[in-house]
Amino acid sequence: MLDHETIYILAIESSCDDTSAAVLMNDKVLSNVVATQAIHNEYGGVVPELASRAHQQNIVPVVHQAIAKANIDKKQLSAIAFTRGPGLMGSLLVGTSFAKSLSLGLQIPLIEVNHMKAHILAHFIDEETMKAPSFPFLALTISGGHTQIVQVNDYFDMKIIGQTLDDAVGEAFDKSAKILGLPYPGGPLIDKYAATGDPHKFEFTIPNVKDLDFSFSGLKTNILYFIQRQTKENPDFIKNNLEDICASIQYTIITILMKKLKKAVKQTGIKEIAIGGGVSANSGIRKILTEAQTKYGWKTYIPKFEYCTDNAAMIGIVGYYKYKNEQFSQQNVTAKARYVIS
């Protein structure tokens, strides 16, 4: 195992529509730069081809800024970590190609990172306001593309024990928002309006799915038909009930997540719970997990907002641990749109 006093990792993240670069000194973040792509808002969702082109425009200035903000010279870098997958292939190719080229140019090691593992290990970034969970722990990874319960035994020993059979939780939020006529991305807007609504005003479907798996497609259909029925009777139904509808949708989604999480705790006996992924920024989910500490005797770990959404700092922390373990990639490594945690 390599355990030099100072390890500098340059990390690159380009799995979807955010171009990000970060520099870590060991497990501390020196810089974490994110360039978002506003162009997708007018299309109501991420357009893969446009995302890929925007990454090509953003990656050089974003990496340059990350190194400048970290106040180091690129010659000091120990290795380059990058998101190999999962994600949009066109987007991943930009980050992968850039990382490979820079690694070759600087003659330093290349480290591939699984994006979903990074959401989990983001908890190990050394921050004053964050405490890392103890092994073993359960990680609930919730994003626009994934919904998983992962048993984490070690930095490199993870097992998916439950996952969505169809749509991800982030998609359920965004599609529900679209049904309500809210702009993209709609998930944060549902969270915003839910804060002043009645979560018990309207009842939506809670699917009966076996074991620890999830399903959100039925809920989306249920919400669509409900809104169609109500607006047929009253065209102003959404406008008059927006807060209550959002609160009821959010309450239902949180109930689905918590039902499976409680079952996972019962099955495994593990009471250390960490969340990760873009949807972990949702205030309702953060609140219910904080309350679970006293209600169920769990120890819950909630990341800082900047480490919830896609960012390179979380890629860097995985890179740091893989560097210490000498888990390097070869130059023939390729992007992987489907990259399962194993």
Protein backbone atom coordinates (compact mmCIF):
# COMPACT_ATOMS: atom_id res chain seq x y z
CA MET A 1 0.00 0.00 0.00
CA LEU A 2 1.26 3.46 -0.94
CA ASP A 3 1.05 5.88 1.98
CA HIS A 4 3.02 8.96 1.01
CA GLU A 5 2.70 11.96 3.24
CA THR A 6 1.00 14.09 0.60
CA ILE A 7 -1.09 12.73 -2.27
CA TYR A 8 -2.57 15.18 -4.79
CA ILE A 9 -5.44 13.83 -6.87
CA LEU A 10 -6.98 15.67 -9.82
CA ALA A 11 -10.52 14.34 -10.26
CA ILE A 12 -12.78 14.68 -13.31
CA GLU A 13 -16.56 14.08 -13.40
CA SER A 14 -18.60 14.16 -16.64
CA SER A 15 -21.26 11.46 -16.30
CA CYS A 16 -24.33 13.55 -17.14
CA ASP A 17 -24.77 17.31 -17.62
CA ASP A 18 -22.31 18.77 -15.09
CA THR A 19 -18.63 19.18 -15.94
CA SER A 20 -16.61 19.10 -12.73
CA ALA A 21 -12.98 19.01 -11.67
CA ALA A 22 -11.53 18.91 -8.17
CA VAL A 23 -8.14 18.72 -6.51
CA LEU A 24 -7.73 16.78 -3.27
CA MET A 25 -4.73 16.75 -0.96
CA ASN A 26 -5.12 13.34 0.66
CA ASP A 27 -8.75 13.32 1.86
CA LYS A 28 -9.15 17.12 1.96
CA VAL A 29 -10.78 19.08 -0.87
CA LEU A 30 -8.64 22.00 -2.11
CA SER A 31 -10.98 22.89 -4.97
CA ASN A 32 -14.24 21.61 -6.42
CA VAL A 33 -15.36 23.40 -9.59
CA VAL A 34 -18.68 22.58 -11.29
CA ALA A 35 -19.94 23.97 -14.61
CA THR A 36 -23.67 23.36 -15.05
CA GLN A 37 -25.41 23.23 -18.42
CA ALA A 38 -28.48 25.48 -18.54
CA ILE A 39 -29.23 24.58 -22.17
CA HIS A 40 -31.23 21.46 -21.13
CA ASN A 41 -33.85 23.48 -19.23
CA GLU A 42 -35.63 24.52 -22.41
CA TYR A 43 -35.96 20.87 -23.49
CA GLY A 44 -37.39 19.64 -20.18
CA GLY A 45 -34.59 17.12 -19.68
CA VAL A 46 -30.98 16.30 -20.52
CA VAL A 47 -30.24 16.00 -24.25
CA PRO A 48 -27.21 13.62 -24.48
CA GLU A 49 -25.73 15.12 -27.66
CA LEU A 50 -25.89 18.67 -26.27
CA ALA A 51 -24.44 17.50 -22.95
CA SER A 52 -21.46 15.91 -24.70
CA ARG A 53 -20.75 19.08 -26.71
CA ALA A 54 -20.98 21.27 -23.61
CA HIS A 55 -18.51 18.99 -21.78
CA GLN A 56 -16.03 19.49 -24.64
CA GLN A 57 -16.36 23.27 -24.24
CA ASN A 58 -16.16 23.22 -20.44
CA ILE A 59 -13.57 20.61 -19.54
CA VAL A 60 -10.35 22.57 -20.21
CA PRO A 61 -11.38 25.77 -18.36
CA VAL A 62 -12.92 23.75 -15.48
CA VAL A 63 -9.75 21.68 -14.96
CA HIS A 64 -7.58 24.80 -15.29
CA GLN A 65 -9.70 26.59 -12.66
CA ALA A 66 -9.62 23.62 -10.26
CA ILE A 67 -5.81 23.47 -10.35
CA ALA A 68 -5.52 27.27 -10.00
CA LYS A 69 -7.95 27.36 -7.04
CA ALA A 70 -6.04 24.54 -5.33
CA ASN A 71 -2.93 26.73 -5.64
CA ILE A 72 -0.73 23.90 -6.86
CA ASP A 73 1.25 23.20 -10.03
CA LYS A 74 0.08 20.33 -12.24
CA LYS A 75 3.56 18.80 -11.83
CA GLN A 76 2.64 18.16 -8.16
CA LEU A 77 -0.27 15.89 -9.09
CA SER A 78 0.11 12.26 -8.00
CA ALA A 79 -2.68 10.80 -10.16
CA ILE A 80 -5.79 11.57 -12.19
CA ALA A 81 -9.13 10.04 -11.17
CA PHE A 82 -12.10 10.09 -13.54
CA THR A 83 -15.67 8.83 -13.78
CA ARG A 84 -15.66 5.73 -15.97
CA GLY A 85 -19.42 5.19 -15.53
CA PRO A 86 -22.31 4.78 -15.15
CA GLY A 87 -23.75 7.67 -17.14
CA LEU A 88 -24.37 9.03 -20.64
CA MET A 89 -21.81 7.51 -23.00
CA GLY A 90 -21.16 10.73 -24.93
CA SER A 91 -20.57 12.65 -21.70
CA LEU A 92 -18.36 9.94 -20.18
CA LEU A 93 -16.19 9.79 -23.30
CA VAL A 94 -15.18 13.44 -22.90
CA GLY A 95 -14.00 13.03 -19.30
CA THR A 96 -12.38 9.64 -19.95
CA SER A 97 -10.47 10.84 -23.03
CA PHE A 98 -9.27 14.00 -21.29
CA ALA A 99 -8.15 12.09 -18.16
CA LYS A 100 -6.27 9.50 -20.24
CA SER A 101 -4.50 12.17 -22.29
CA LEU A 102 -3.48 14.25 -19.27
CA SER A 103 -2.29 11.16 -17.39
CA LEU A 104 -0.14 10.21 -20.39
CA GLY A 105 1.17 13.76 -20.78
CA LEU A 106 2.11 14.11 -17.11
CA GLN A 107 3.21 10.46 -16.85
CA ILE A 108 1.19 9.87 -13.70
CA PRO A 109 -1.24 7.06 -12.81
CA LEU A 110 -4.83 6.92 -14.07
CA ILE A 111 -7.64 5.85 -11.72
CA GLU A 112 -11.11 4.86 -12.91
CA VAL A 113 -14.02 5.52 -10.54
CA ASN A 114 -17.56 4.16 -10.38
CA HIS A 115 -19.84 7.21 -10.07
CA MET A 116 -22.25 5.48 -7.65
CA LYS A 117 -19.42 4.30 -5.38
CA ALA A 118 -18.26 7.92 -5.32
CA HIS A 119 -21.66 9.11 -4.05
CA ILE A 120 -21.24 6.67 -1.16
CA LEU A 121 -17.60 7.42 -0.34
CA ALA A 122 -18.21 11.19 -0.47
CA HIS A 123 -18.93 10.76 3.25
CA PHE A 124 -15.20 10.15 3.81
CA ILE A 125 -14.13 13.59 2.58
CA ASP A 126 -12.44 15.34 5.49
CA GLU A 127 -14.79 18.21 6.35
CA GLU A 128 -15.42 19.86 9.72
CA THR A 129 -19.20 19.57 9.31
CA MET A 130 -19.18 15.95 8.13
CA LYS A 131 -18.62 12.75 10.07
CA ALA A 132 -17.83 9.50 8.26
CA PRO A 133 -19.93 6.39 8.92
CA SER A 134 -18.37 3.27 10.46
CA PHE A 135 -18.20 -0.01 8.53
CA PRO A 136 -20.44 -1.81 7.88
CA PHE A 137 -23.15 0.70 6.92
CA LEU A 138 -26.12 0.90 4.58
CA ALA A 139 -26.04 3.49 1.81
CA LEU A 140 -29.22 4.74 0.16
CA THR A 141 -28.12 6.12 -3.22
CA ILE A 142 -30.88 8.21 -4.77
CA SER A 143 -30.52 10.17 -7.99
CA GLY A 144 -32.08 10.82 -11.39
CA GLY A 145 -30.73 7.53 -12.73
CA HIS A 146 -30.40 5.29 -9.67
CA THR A 147 -32.20 4.13 -6.54
CA GLN A 148 -30.20 1.57 -4.57
CA ILE A 149 -29.63 0.24 -1.07
CA VAL A 150 -25.99 -0.79 -0.80
CA GLN A 151 -24.36 -2.70 2.05
CA VAL A 152 -20.91 -1.16 2.49
CA ASN A 153 -18.45 -3.41 4.35
CA ASP A 154 -15.29 -1.54 3.38
CA TYR A 155 -14.08 1.11 0.92
CA PHE A 156 -13.86 -1.58 -1.78
CA ASP A 157 -16.40 -4.12 -0.55
CA MET A 158 -19.93 -3.09 -1.51
CA LYS A 159 -23.02 -5.12 -2.36
CA ILE A 160 -26.33 -3.91 -3.82
CA ILE A 161 -29.11 -5.45 -1.70
CA GLY A 162 -32.01 -3.50 -3.21
CA GLN A 163 -32.60 -1.39 -6.31
CA THR A 164 -35.29 0.02 -8.57
CA LEU A 165 -36.86 -2.35 -11.06
CA ASP A 166 -37.85 0.50 -13.39
CA ASP A 167 -37.58 4.27 -12.84
CA ALA A 168 -35.28 6.04 -10.41
CA VAL A 169 -36.58 8.22 -7.59
CA GLY A 170 -35.17 11.40 -9.18
CA GLU A 171 -37.08 10.63 -12.36
CA ALA A 172 -40.27 10.14 -10.32
CA PHE A 173 -39.80 13.64 -8.85
CA ASP A 174 -38.99 15.27 -12.22
CA LYS A 175 -41.78 13.51 -14.17
CA SER A 176 -44.31 14.39 -11.45
CA ALA A 177 -43.20 18.02 -11.70
CA LYS A 178 -43.62 17.88 -15.48
CA ILE A 179 -47.18 16.56 -15.06
CA LEU A 180 -47.84 19.59 -12.82
CA GLY A 181 -46.45 21.94 -15.48
CA LEU A 182 -43.34 22.86 -13.45
CA PRO A 183 -40.11 23.67 -15.33
CA TYR A 184 -37.11 21.29 -15.49
CA PRO A 185 -35.48 20.29 -13.20
CA GLY A 186 -38.72 19.92 -11.26
CA GLY A 187 -37.58 17.81 -8.30
CA PRO A 188 -36.27 20.78 -6.26
CA LEU A 189 -39.50 22.69 -7.01
CA ILE A 190 -41.64 19.87 -5.62
CA ASP A 191 -39.48 20.03 -2.48
CA LYS A 192 -39.92 23.82 -2.30
CA TYR A 193 -43.75 23.79 -2.66
CA ALA A 194 -44.11 20.73 -0.39
CA ALA A 195 -42.74 22.76 2.53
CA THR A 196 -46.03 24.69 2.87
CA GLY A 197 -48.43 21.91 1.82
CA ASP A 198 -50.44 19.19 3.56
CA PRO A 199 -48.71 15.80 2.94
CA HIS A 200 -51.90 13.88 3.76
CA LYS A 201 -54.27 15.84 1.50
CA PHE A 202 -54.05 13.43 -1.45
CA GLU A 203 -53.28 9.71 -1.38
CA PHE A 204 -51.08 8.08 -4.01
CA THR A 205 -50.04 4.50 -4.72
CA ILE A 206 -47.37 2.82 -2.60
CA PRO A 207 -46.24 -0.17 -4.71
CA ASN A 208 -45.93 -3.64 -3.24
CA VAL A 209 -42.51 -4.78 -4.48
CA LYS A 210 -40.73 -7.87 -3.19
CA ASP A 211 -37.64 -7.88 -0.99
CA LEU A 212 -35.68 -4.59 -0.86
CA ASP A 213 -36.37 -3.51 -4.43
CA PHE A 214 -38.21 -0.37 -5.54
CA SER A 215 -40.62 0.61 -8.31
CA PHE A 216 -41.73 4.11 -9.24
CA SER A 217 -43.39 3.66 -12.66
CA GLY A 218 -46.79 2.83 -11.13
CA LEU A 219 -46.66 5.91 -8.92
CA LYS A 220 -45.93 8.16 -11.91
CA THR A 221 -48.93 6.69 -13.77
CA ASN A 222 -51.12 7.09 -10.67
CA ILE A 223 -50.17 10.79 -10.37
CA LEU A 224 -50.75 11.37 -14.11
CA TYR A 225 -54.27 9.84 -14.06
CA PHE A 226 -55.13 11.65 -10.83
CA ILE A 227 -54.16 15.04 -12.28
CA GLN A 228 -55.99 14.32 -15.55
CA ARG A 229 -59.19 13.44 -13.65
CA GLN A 230 -59.03 16.46 -11.37
CA THR A 231 -58.20 19.02 -14.06
CA LYS A 232 -61.06 17.70 -16.19
CA GLU A 233 -63.44 18.62 -13.36
CA ASN A 234 -61.61 21.79 -12.38
CA PRO A 235 -59.09 23.37 -14.82
CA ASP A 236 -57.58 25.38 -11.93
CA PHE A 237 -57.04 22.31 -9.73
CA ILE A 238 -53.21 22.38 -9.94
CA LYS A 239 -53.01 26.13 -9.38
CA ASN A 240 -55.37 25.96 -6.35
CA ASN A 241 -53.71 22.90 -4.77
CA LEU A 242 -50.06 23.01 -5.89
CA GLU A 243 -48.49 22.98 -2.40
CA ASP A 244 -50.73 20.12 -1.19
CA ILE A 245 -50.14 18.04 -4.35
CA CYS A 246 -46.35 18.49 -4.05
CA ALA A 247 -46.40 17.67 -0.33
CA SER A 248 -48.49 14.53 -0.97
CA ILE A 249 -46.18 13.36 -3.79
CA GLN A 250 -43.08 13.96 -1.67
CA TYR A 251 -44.64 12.22 1.35
CA THR A 252 -45.46 9.16 -0.79
CA ILE A 253 -41.94 8.93 -2.27
CA ILE A 254 -40.31 9.30 1.15
CA THR A 255 -42.66 6.63 2.56
CA ILE A 256 -41.59 4.21 -0.21
CA LEU A 257 -37.88 4.86 0.51
CA MET A 258 -38.24 4.59 4.29
CA LYS A 259 -40.31 1.40 4.10
CA LYS A 260 -37.48 -0.38 2.28
CA LEU A 261 -34.75 1.19 4.42
CA LYS A 262 -36.45 -0.01 7.62
CA LYS A 263 -36.72 -3.48 6.09
CA ALA A 264 -33.01 -3.42 5.17
CA VAL A 265 -32.03 -2.44 8.73
CA LYS A 266 -34.18 -5.30 10.09
CA GLN A 267 -32.65 -7.83 7.68
CA THR A 268 -29.00 -6.82 8.12
CA GLY A 269 -29.00 -5.55 11.71
CA ILE A 270 -26.98 -2.54 10.48
CA LYS A 271 -28.13 0.77 11.94
CA GLU A 272 -25.55 3.07 10.37
CA ILE A 273 -27.30 4.75 7.42
CA ALA A 274 -25.74 7.09 4.85
CA ILE A 275 -27.43 8.77 1.89
CA GLY A 276 -25.94 9.98 -1.37
CA GLY A 277 -26.90 11.19 -4.84
CA GLY A 278 -28.70 14.27 -6.13
CA VAL A 279 -32.03 13.46 -4.46
CA SER A 280 -30.33 13.37 -1.04
CA ALA A 281 -30.45 17.19 -1.25
CA ASN A 282 -34.25 16.92 -0.77
CA SER A 283 -35.17 18.60 2.54
CA GLY A 284 -37.98 16.12 3.31
CA ILE A 285 -35.64 13.13 3.02
CA ARG A 286 -32.93 14.85 5.08
CA LYS A 287 -35.48 15.71 7.79
CA ILE A 288 -36.97 12.19 8.06
CA LEU A 289 -33.49 10.62 8.24
CA THR A 290 -32.40 13.05 10.95
CA GLU A 291 -35.55 12.17 12.92
CA ALA A 292 -34.82 8.44 12.43
CA GLN A 293 -31.86 8.77 14.80
CA THR A 294 -34.14 9.24 17.81
CA LYS A 295 -37.18 7.40 16.38
CA TYR A 296 -35.41 4.15 15.39
CA GLY A 297 -32.02 4.44 17.10
CA TRP A 298 -30.18 4.74 13.79
CA LYS A 299 -26.98 6.72 13.17
CA THR A 300 -27.60 8.70 10.00
CA TYR A 301 -25.08 10.47 7.80
CA ILE A 302 -26.16 13.23 5.44
CA PRO A 303 -23.59 14.85 3.11
CA LYS A 304 -23.14 18.56 2.51
CA PHE A 305 -25.29 19.84 -0.36
CA GLU A 306 -22.28 20.34 -2.65
CA TYR A 307 -21.44 16.62 -2.36
CA CYS A 308 -25.01 15.45 -3.08
CA THR A 309 -25.23 16.51 -6.71
CA ASP A 310 -22.65 15.40 -9.29
CA ASN A 311 -19.22 16.76 -8.40
CA ALA A 312 -15.59 15.80 -8.85
CA ALA A 313 -14.63 15.95 -5.15
CA MET A 314 -16.43 12.63 -4.56
CA ILE A 315 -14.53 11.14 -7.53
CA GLY A 316 -11.33 12.42 -5.93
CA ILE A 317 -11.93 10.75 -2.56
CA VAL A 318 -12.34 7.37 -4.28
CA GLY A 319 -9.20 8.16 -6.29
CA TYR A 320 -7.32 8.84 -3.05
CA TYR A 321 -8.23 5.48 -1.50
CA LYS A 322 -7.54 3.62 -4.75
CA TYR A 323 -4.18 5.38 -5.07
CA LYS A 324 -3.18 4.24 -1.58
CA ASN A 325 -4.21 0.72 -2.60
CA GLU A 326 -2.34 0.99 -5.92
CA GLN A 327 -5.52 0.29 -7.90
CA PHE A 328 -4.53 1.96 -11.16
CA SER A 329 -6.07 1.74 -14.64
CA GLN A 330 -4.35 1.14 -17.96
CA GLN A 331 -4.49 3.42 -20.99
CA ASN A 332 -6.83 1.00 -22.78
CA VAL A 333 -9.63 1.69 -20.24
CA THR A 334 -12.91 2.77 -21.86
CA ALA A 335 -16.03 4.57 -20.66
CA LYS A 336 -18.83 2.32 -19.42
CA ALA A 337 -22.43 3.62 -19.61
CA ARG A 338 -23.63 0.71 -17.44
CA TYR A 339 -21.20 0.16 -14.59
CA VAL A 340 -22.61 -1.86 -11.72
CA ILE A 341 -21.31 -1.63 -8.15
CA SER A 342 -19.58 -4.89 -7.28
